C-alpha atoms as a PDB file:
ATOM      1  CA  MET A   1      27.616  49.114 128.312  1.00  0.00           C
ATOM      2  CA  ILE A   2      30.473  47.958 130.804  1.00  0.00           C
ATOM      3  CA  LEU A   3      33.459  48.493 127.903  1.00  0.00           C
ATOM      4  CA  TRP A   4      32.257  51.751 127.007  1.00  0.00           C
ATOM      5  CA  ILE A   5      31.792  52.787 131.020  1.00  0.00           C
ATOM      6  CA  VAL A   6      35.588  51.738 130.734  1.00  0.00           C
ATOM      7  CA  LEU A   7      37.365  53.133 127.613  1.00  0.00           C
ATOM      8  CA  PHE A   8      35.682  56.387 128.654  1.00  0.00           C
ATOM      9  CA  LEU A   9      36.901  55.907 132.591  1.00  0.00           C
ATOM     10  CA  LEU A  10      40.826  55.594 130.432  1.00  0.00           C
ATOM     11  CA  VAL A  11      39.712  58.294 127.976  1.00  0.00           C
ATOM     12  CA  VAL A  12      39.196  60.922 131.165  1.00  0.00           C
ATOM     13  CA  GLY A  13      42.185  59.755 133.139  1.00  0.00           C
ATOM     14  CA  ILE A  14      45.125  60.151 130.089  1.00  0.00           C
ATOM     15  CA  SER A  15      43.764  63.705 129.177  1.00  0.00           C
ATOM     16  CA  PHE A  16      44.094  64.017 133.022  1.00  0.00           C
ATOM     17  CA  ILE A  17      48.046  63.376 133.059  1.00  0.00           C
ATOM     18  CA  LEU A  18      48.935  64.956 129.689  1.00  0.00           C
ATOM     19  CA  ALA A  19      47.173  68.172 131.342  1.00  0.00           C
ATOM     20  CA  LEU A  20      49.723  68.109 134.321  1.00  0.00           C
ATOM     21  CA  GLN A  21      52.109  67.202 132.187  1.00  0.00           C
ATOM     22  CA  SER A  22      51.603  70.494 129.839  1.00  0.00           C
ATOM     23  CA  MET A  23      51.073  72.570 133.279  1.00  0.00           C
ATOM     24  CA  ARG A  24      54.316  71.232 134.986  1.00  0.00           C
ATOM     25  CA  ASP A  25      56.748  71.943 131.381  1.00  0.00           C
ATOM     26  CA  TYR A  26      55.078  75.133 131.848  1.00  0.00           C
ATOM     27  CA  GLN A  27      56.964  76.419 134.845  1.00  0.00           C
ATOM     28  CA  GLU A  28      58.824  79.803 134.390  1.00  0.00           C
ATOM     29  CA  ILE A  29      61.804  81.521 135.954  1.00  0.00           C
ATOM     30  CA  PRO A  30      60.103  84.790 137.251  1.00  0.00           C
ATOM     31  CA  ARG A  31      62.075  88.387 137.459  1.00  0.00           C
ATOM     32  CA  LYS A  32      63.266  88.121 141.531  1.00  0.00           C
ATOM     33  CA  SER A  33      60.477  89.886 143.222  1.00  0.00           C
ATOM     34  CA  LYS A  34      62.605  91.658 145.967  1.00  0.00           C
ATOM     35  CA  VAL A  35      63.600  93.520 142.489  1.00  0.00           C
ATOM     36  CA  ASP A  36      62.073  96.951 142.731  1.00  0.00           C
ATOM     37  CA  TYR A  37      61.157  96.624 138.395  1.00  0.00           C
ATOM     38  CA  GLY A  38      60.371  99.451 135.975  1.00  0.00           C
ATOM     39  CA  LEU A  39      59.040  99.990 132.495  1.00  0.00           C
ATOM     40  CA  PHE A  40      61.567 103.077 130.224  1.00  0.00           C
ATOM     41  CA  LEU A  41      60.463 104.456 127.201  1.00  0.00           C
ATOM     42  CA  ILE A  42      64.647 104.948 125.514  1.00  0.00           C
ATOM     43  CA  ARG A  43      64.049 108.237 123.286  1.00  0.00           C
ATOM     44  CA  GLN A  44      68.102 107.772 122.421  1.00  0.00           C
ATOM     45  CA  PRO A  45      67.432 104.200 120.750  1.00  0.00           C
ATOM     46  CA  GLU A  46      71.062 104.818 118.797  1.00  0.00           C
ATOM     47  CA  LYS A  47      72.801 105.271 121.855  1.00  0.00           C
ATOM     48  CA  PHE A  48      71.643 101.655 122.740  1.00  0.00           C
ATOM     49  CA  ASP A  49      74.998 100.110 121.830  1.00  0.00           C
ATOM     50  CA  VAL A  50      75.968  96.586 122.481  1.00  0.00           C
ATOM     51  CA  ASN A  51      78.348  98.517 125.391  1.00  0.00           C
ATOM     52  CA  LEU A  52      75.795  99.533 127.194  1.00  0.00           C
ATOM     53  CA  LEU A  53      73.799  96.326 127.446  1.00  0.00           C
ATOM     54  CA  ASP A  54      76.886  94.623 128.570  1.00  0.00           C
ATOM     55  CA  SER A  55      77.572  96.901 131.062  1.00  0.00           C
ATOM     56  CA  ILE A  56      73.992  96.083 132.338  1.00  0.00           C
ATOM     57  CA  ARG A  57      74.546  92.217 132.063  1.00  0.00           C
ATOM     58  CA  ARG A  58      77.373  92.109 134.035  1.00  0.00           C
ATOM     59  CA  GLN A  59      75.778  94.659 136.818  1.00  0.00           C
ATOM     60  CA  MET A  60      72.739  91.931 136.910  1.00  0.00           C
ATOM     61  CA  LEU A  61      74.633  88.414 136.867  1.00  0.00           C
ATOM     62  CA  ALA A  62      75.427  88.560 140.504  1.00  0.00           C
ATOM     63  CA  GLU A  63      71.767  88.537 141.161  1.00  0.00           C
ATOM     64  CA  ASN A  64      70.754  86.521 137.587  1.00  0.00           C
ATOM     65  CA  LEU A  65      67.797  88.541 137.171  1.00  0.00           C
ATOM     66  CA  LEU A  66      65.918  89.487 134.277  1.00  0.00           C
ATOM     67  CA  VAL A  67      65.463  92.833 131.180  1.00  0.00           C
ATOM     68  CA  SER A  68      63.246  92.349 129.196  1.00  0.00           C
ATOM     69  CA  ILE A  69      63.568  94.612 126.282  1.00  0.00           C
ATOM     70  CA  GLU A  70      60.927  94.969 124.002  1.00  0.00           C
ATOM     71  CA  ARG A  71      59.093  97.480 120.112  1.00  0.00           C
ATOM     72  CA  LEU A  72      56.146  98.318 120.210  1.00  0.00           C
ATOM     73  CA  PHE A  73      54.144  99.542 117.220  1.00  0.00           C
ATOM     74  CA  LYS A  74      51.001 101.463 116.479  1.00  0.00           C
ATOM     75  CA  GLY A  75      49.808 101.940 112.647  1.00  0.00           C
ATOM     76  CA  SER A  76      53.513 103.833 111.505  1.00  0.00           C
ATOM     77  CA  GLN A  77      54.434 104.491 115.046  1.00  0.00           C
ATOM     78  CA  SER A  78      57.327 102.813 116.890  1.00  0.00           C
ATOM     79  CA  ALA A  79      59.102 102.658 120.185  1.00  0.00           C
ATOM     80  CA  LEU A  80      61.554 101.201 121.608  1.00  0.00           C
ATOM     81  CA  THR A  81      61.564 100.201 125.797  1.00  0.00           C
ATOM     82  CA  ILE A  82      63.247  98.562 128.434  1.00  0.00           C
ATOM     83  CA  PHE A  83      61.281  96.731 131.190  1.00  0.00           C
ATOM     84  CA  GLY A  84      64.407  96.016 134.113  1.00  0.00           C
ATOM     85  CA  PRO A  85      65.940  96.225 137.467  1.00  0.00           C
ATOM     86  CA  ARG A  86      64.726 100.347 138.597  1.00  0.00           C
ATOM     87  CA  ASN A  87      68.158 100.479 140.121  1.00  0.00           C
ATOM     88  CA  ILE A  88      70.187  99.955 137.544  1.00  0.00           C
ATOM     89  CA  VAL A  89      68.312 100.415 134.326  1.00  0.00           C
ATOM     90  CA  SER A  90      67.482 104.422 136.011  1.00  0.00           C
ATOM     91  CA  SER A  91      71.306 104.618 136.564  1.00  0.00           C
ATOM     92  CA  TYR A  92      71.762 105.160 131.728  1.00  0.00           C
ATOM     93  CA  SER A  93      68.487 107.548 132.398  1.00  0.00           C
ATOM     94  CA  SER A  94      70.869 110.363 130.443  1.00  0.00           C
ATOM     95  CA  GLN A  95      72.666 108.260 127.699  1.00  0.00           C
ATOM     96  CA  LEU A  96      69.538 106.698 126.705  1.00  0.00           C
ATOM     97  CA  SER A  97      66.782 109.914 127.328  1.00  0.00           C
ATOM     98  CA  LEU A  98      64.969 107.462 129.460  1.00  0.00           C
ATOM     99  CA  LEU A  99      61.469 107.647 130.590  1.00  0.00           C
ATOM    100  CA  GLU A 100      59.943 105.582 133.054  1.00  0.00           C
ATOM    101  CA  LEU A 101      56.224 104.821 131.391  1.00  0.00           C
ATOM    102  CA  GLU A 102      53.395 102.680 132.924  1.00  0.00           C
ATOM    103  CA  ASP A 103      53.449  99.381 131.978  1.00  0.00           C
ATOM    104  CA  TYR A 104      51.605  99.247 128.487  1.00  0.00           C
ATOM    105  CA  ALA A 105      51.137  95.126 129.105  1.00  0.00           C
ATOM    106  CA  ALA A 106      49.278  95.389 132.509  1.00  0.00           C
ATOM    107  CA  GLY A 107      46.339  96.498 130.289  1.00  0.00           C
ATOM    108  CA  LEU A 108      46.216  93.773 128.068  1.00  0.00           C
ATOM    109  CA  ASN A 109      43.814  90.965 127.817  1.00  0.00           C
ATOM    110  CA  ALA A 110      42.709  88.508 125.600  1.00  0.00           C
ATOM    111  CA  GLU A 111      40.514  89.605 123.513  1.00  0.00           C
ATOM    112  CA  GLY A 112      40.965  91.710 120.290  1.00  0.00           C
ATOM    113  CA  ILE A 113      45.281  89.831 120.312  1.00  0.00           C
ATOM    114  CA  SER A 114      47.176  86.858 118.660  1.00  0.00           C
ATOM    115  CA  ILE A 115      50.163  85.831 120.642  1.00  0.00           C
ATOM    116  CA  TRP A 116      53.222  83.739 120.661  1.00  0.00           C
ATOM    117  CA  GLU A 117      56.518  82.782 121.128  1.00  0.00           C
ATOM    118  CA  VAL A 118      59.732  82.329 118.812  1.00  0.00           C
ATOM    119  CA  GLY A 119      62.436  79.905 118.370  1.00  0.00           C
ATOM    120  CA  LEU A 120      65.279  78.789 116.333  1.00  0.00           C
ATOM    121  CA  LYS A 121      64.169  77.726 113.067  1.00  0.00           C
ATOM    122  CA  LYS A 122      67.290  74.926 112.806  1.00  0.00           C
ATOM    123  CA  THR A 123      69.250  73.367 115.944  1.00  0.00           C
ATOM    124  CA  GLY A 124      72.785  74.218 116.177  1.00  0.00           C
ATOM    125  CA  LYS A 125      74.480  78.460 116.755  1.00  0.00           C
ATOM    126  CA  PHE A 126      72.094  80.827 116.262  1.00  0.00           C
ATOM    127  CA  ASN A 127      73.105  83.361 113.216  1.00  0.00           C
ATOM    128  CA  PRO A 128      72.432  87.223 113.984  1.00  0.00           C
ATOM    129  CA  ILE A 129      73.522  88.549 110.947  1.00  0.00           C
ATOM    130  CA  ASN A 130      70.484  87.450 109.026  1.00  0.00           C
ATOM    131  CA  LEU A 131      68.323  90.141 110.970  1.00  0.00           C
ATOM    132  CA  ASN A 132      69.008  93.263 109.516  1.00  0.00           C
ATOM    133  CA  ASN A 133      65.382  93.242 108.147  1.00  0.00           C
ATOM    134  CA  ILE A 134      63.673  92.187 110.947  1.00  0.00           C
ATOM    135  CA  PHE A 135      60.675  95.005 110.299  1.00  0.00           C
ATOM    136  CA  ASN A 136      60.109  94.566 107.210  1.00  0.00           C
ATOM    137  CA  ASP A 137      56.609  93.310 106.574  1.00  0.00           C
ATOM    138  CA  LEU A 138      55.273  96.047 109.486  1.00  0.00           C
ATOM    139  CA  SER A 139      54.234  98.241 107.155  1.00  0.00           C
ATOM    140  CA  GLN A 140      51.045  96.520 106.716  1.00  0.00           C
ATOM    141  CA  LEU A 141      49.621  98.001 109.923  1.00  0.00           C
ATOM    142  CA  GLY A 142      46.143  99.926 110.094  1.00  0.00           C
ATOM    143  CA  GLU A 143      46.218 103.130 112.085  1.00  0.00           C
ATOM    144  CA  GLU A 144      44.751 101.632 114.818  1.00  0.00           C
ATOM    145  CA  GLU A 145      46.430  97.865 115.016  1.00  0.00           C
ATOM    146  CA  GLN A 146      49.623  97.088 117.451  1.00  0.00           C
ATOM    147  CA  PHE A 147      52.666  94.740 117.359  1.00  0.00           C
ATOM    148  CA  PHE A 148      54.597  93.765 120.237  1.00  0.00           C
ATOM    149  CA  TRP A 149      57.891  92.382 120.100  1.00  0.00           C
ATOM    150  CA  GLN A 150      59.308  91.195 123.279  1.00  0.00           C
ATOM    151  CA  VAL A 151      62.612  89.824 123.938  1.00  0.00           C
ATOM    152  CA  VAL A 152      63.727  88.623 127.858  1.00  0.00           C
ATOM    153  CA  LEU A 153      67.114  88.133 127.803  1.00  0.00           C
ATOM    154  CA  ALA A 154      68.770  86.116 131.170  1.00  0.00           C
ATOM    155  CA  THR A 155      72.263  86.520 131.516  1.00  0.00           C
ATOM    156  CA  ARG A 156      74.727  83.314 131.288  1.00  0.00           C
ATOM    157  CA  LYS A 157      78.290  82.637 132.719  1.00  0.00           C
ATOM    158  CA  ASP A 158      79.986  82.847 129.124  1.00  0.00           C
ATOM    159  CA  GLU A 159      81.577  85.865 127.512  1.00  0.00           C
ATOM    160  CA  GLU A 160      80.847  84.819 123.707  1.00  0.00           C
ATOM    161  CA  ASN A 161      77.517  83.958 123.805  1.00  0.00           C
ATOM    162  CA  PRO A 162      76.204  86.148 127.514  1.00  0.00           C
ATOM    163  CA  PHE A 163      72.485  85.759 126.738  1.00  0.00           C
ATOM    164  CA  GLN A 164      69.884  82.948 127.139  1.00  0.00           C
ATOM    165  CA  ALA A 165      66.826  85.043 125.244  1.00  0.00           C
ATOM    166  CA  GLN A 166      62.828  84.118 125.262  1.00  0.00           C
ATOM    167  CA  ILE A 167      61.233  86.353 122.184  1.00  0.00           C
ATOM    168  CA  ARG A 168      56.903  86.974 122.207  1.00  0.00           C
ATOM    169  CA  ALA A 169      55.323  88.491 119.863  1.00  0.00           C
ATOM    170  CA  VAL A 170      51.563  89.423 120.305  1.00  0.00           C
ATOM    171  CA  VAL A 171      49.038  91.420 117.445  1.00  0.00           C
ATOM    172  CA  TYR A 172      46.153  93.252 118.293  1.00  0.00           C
ATOM    173  CA  SER A 173      43.273  94.890 115.748  1.00  0.00           C
ATOM    174  CA  LYS A 174      39.606  94.225 116.398  1.00  0.00           C
ATOM    175  CA  ASP A 175      38.779  92.954 112.840  1.00  0.00           C
ATOM    176  CA  GLN A 176      39.490  88.712 113.346  1.00  0.00           C
ATOM    177  CA  THR A 177      40.266  88.306 110.018  1.00  0.00           C
ATOM    178  CA  ARG A 178      43.215  91.302 110.017  1.00  0.00           C
ATOM    179  CA  ARG A 179      44.460  89.329 113.286  1.00  0.00           C
ATOM    180  CA  LYS A 180      44.754  86.214 111.822  1.00  0.00           C
ATOM    181  CA  THR A 181      46.256  87.207 108.379  1.00  0.00           C
ATOM    182  CA  LEU A 182      48.737  89.946 110.057  1.00  0.00           C
ATOM    183  CA  SER A 183      49.464  86.915 112.874  1.00  0.00           C
ATOM    184  CA  PHE A 184      50.385  84.578 109.849  1.00  0.00           C
ATOM    185  CA  ASP A 185      52.102  87.438 107.881  1.00  0.00           C
ATOM    186  CA  LEU A 186      54.719  88.166 111.334  1.00  0.00           C
ATOM    187  CA  GLN A 187      55.341  84.312 112.623  1.00  0.00           C
ATOM    188  CA  THR A 188      57.741  84.817 109.166  1.00  0.00           C
ATOM    189  CA  ILE A 189      59.516  87.178 110.759  1.00  0.00           C
ATOM    190  CA  ALA A 190      63.171  86.165 109.358  1.00  0.00           C
ATOM    191  CA  SER A 191      62.054  83.578 108.547  1.00  0.00           C
ATOM    192  CA  GLY A 192      65.620  82.202 107.451  1.00  0.00           C
ATOM    193  CA  GLU A 193      66.339  81.993 111.284  1.00  0.00           C
ATOM    194  CA  LEU A 194      63.838  81.958 113.290  1.00  0.00           C
ATOM    195  CA  THR A 195      60.133  80.279 113.872  1.00  0.00           C
ATOM    196  CA  LYS A 196      56.975  80.223 115.220  1.00  0.00           C
ATOM    197  CA  VAL A 197      57.224  77.507 118.193  1.00  0.00           C
ATOM    198  CA  PRO A 198      53.796  75.441 118.760  1.00  0.00           C
ATOM    199  CA  ARG A 199      52.952  75.943 122.400  1.00  0.00           C
ATOM    200  CA  PRO A 200      50.327  73.789 124.227  1.00  0.00           C
ATOM    201  CA  PHE A 201      49.126  76.613 125.895  1.00  0.00           C
ATOM    202  CA  SER A 202      45.825  78.960 125.768  1.00  0.00           C
ATOM    203  CA  THR A 203      46.011  82.863 125.351  1.00  0.00           C
ATOM    204  CA  GLN A 204      45.919  83.706 128.606  1.00  0.00           C
ATOM    205  CA  GLN A 205      48.898  81.612 129.634  1.00  0.00           C
ATOM    206  CA  MET A 206      50.611  82.882 127.273  1.00  0.00           C
ATOM    207  CA  LEU A 207      49.720  86.605 128.062  1.00  0.00           C
ATOM    208  CA  ASP A 208      50.157  85.749 131.662  1.00  0.00           C
ATOM    209  CA  SER A 209      54.102  85.005 129.975  1.00  0.00           C
ATOM    210  CA  PHE A 210      53.977  88.167 128.200  1.00  0.00           C
ATOM    211  CA  LYS A 211      52.738  90.033 131.559  1.00  0.00           C
ATOM    212  CA  GLN A 212      55.660  88.865 133.497  1.00  0.00           C
ATOM    213  CA  ARG A 213      57.924  89.286 131.401  1.00  0.00           C
ATOM    214  CA  SER A 214      59.299  85.315 132.360  1.00  0.00           C
ATOM    215  CA  LEU A 215      61.875  83.077 131.037  1.00  0.00           C
ATOM    216  CA  SER A 216      60.710  79.481 130.632  1.00  0.00           C
ATOM    217  CA  LYS A 217      62.418  76.895 131.814  1.00  0.00           C
ATOM    218  CA  ASP A 218      62.589  74.723 128.662  1.00  0.00           C
ATOM    219  CA  SER A 219      63.267  78.223 126.543  1.00  0.00           C
ATOM    220  CA  LYS A 220      63.424  78.000 123.018  1.00  0.00           C
ATOM    221  CA  GLY A 221      65.234  81.003 121.853  1.00  0.00           C
ATOM    222  CA  PRO A 222      68.577  81.559 121.326  1.00  0.00           C
ATOM    223  CA  ILE A 223      71.381  81.657 123.034  1.00  0.00           C
ATOM    224  CA  ILE A 224      73.387  85.146 121.797  1.00  0.00           C
ATOM    225  CA  SER A 225      76.229  87.598 121.966  1.00  0.00           C
ATOM    226  CA  ALA A 226      75.099  91.174 123.167  1.00  0.00           C
ATOM    227  CA  GLU A 227      75.184  92.260 119.237  1.00  0.00           C
ATOM    228  CA  GLY A 228      72.578  89.367 118.655  1.00  0.00           C
ATOM    229  CA  ALA A 229      70.061  90.763 121.135  1.00  0.00           C
ATOM    230  CA  LEU A 230      70.489  94.160 119.866  1.00  0.00           C
ATOM    231  CA  ARG A 231      69.854  92.593 116.126  1.00  0.00           C
ATOM    232  CA  LEU A 232      66.609  90.853 117.025  1.00  0.00           C
ATOM    233  CA  LEU A 233      65.263  94.056 117.880  1.00  0.00           C
ATOM    234  CA  ARG A 234      67.426  95.840 114.957  1.00  0.00           C
ATOM    235  CA  ILE A 235      68.680  98.227 116.594  1.00  0.00           C
END
């Protein structure tokens, strides 16, 4: 009897230590609280090019700020948005025909969604040239089904590959079977370069990170150029 009690306490103790370790690894770098951020619809995505993204990067670099560029899909419709420091992003309003939006992510909850982080399939240098048809599989979305593709970019002092990316994906469908099918299919987006990153976190924890547009200290996303970032969004 004493042996079983000892074994039980040992298992509980190990589980507690592993849980603490998991949460320690989950520390993230959030956007700076003193900076005013906003979400904008890009109504002229064809104008969002390498030069414009690099210009945004140079303005963010001094304060180590983040920007999140997101593709939103519902049925056959899609949109491109940018979430970033309002004073920086709004300065490109005329070029991109920006429209400030309420944050759609604030209304998301864990019910009806699948969420995962996306990282490099292979170690080594990321090759964005293979990402021309990254969203081909989205033709299967039903009218009320949604897919969100979030690319958070942090600046680096490297002119060749000046961004550290964190990529998250969310599927929404009321039908659990459809949600599982869509999640399985969409986790293979750009399968030659990207893959789902296994994480020991709950759906709610992952969703909180999505809403915060934060960057994990151990981000598995690629280190990329401005061109690579745009290819991740197929712009």
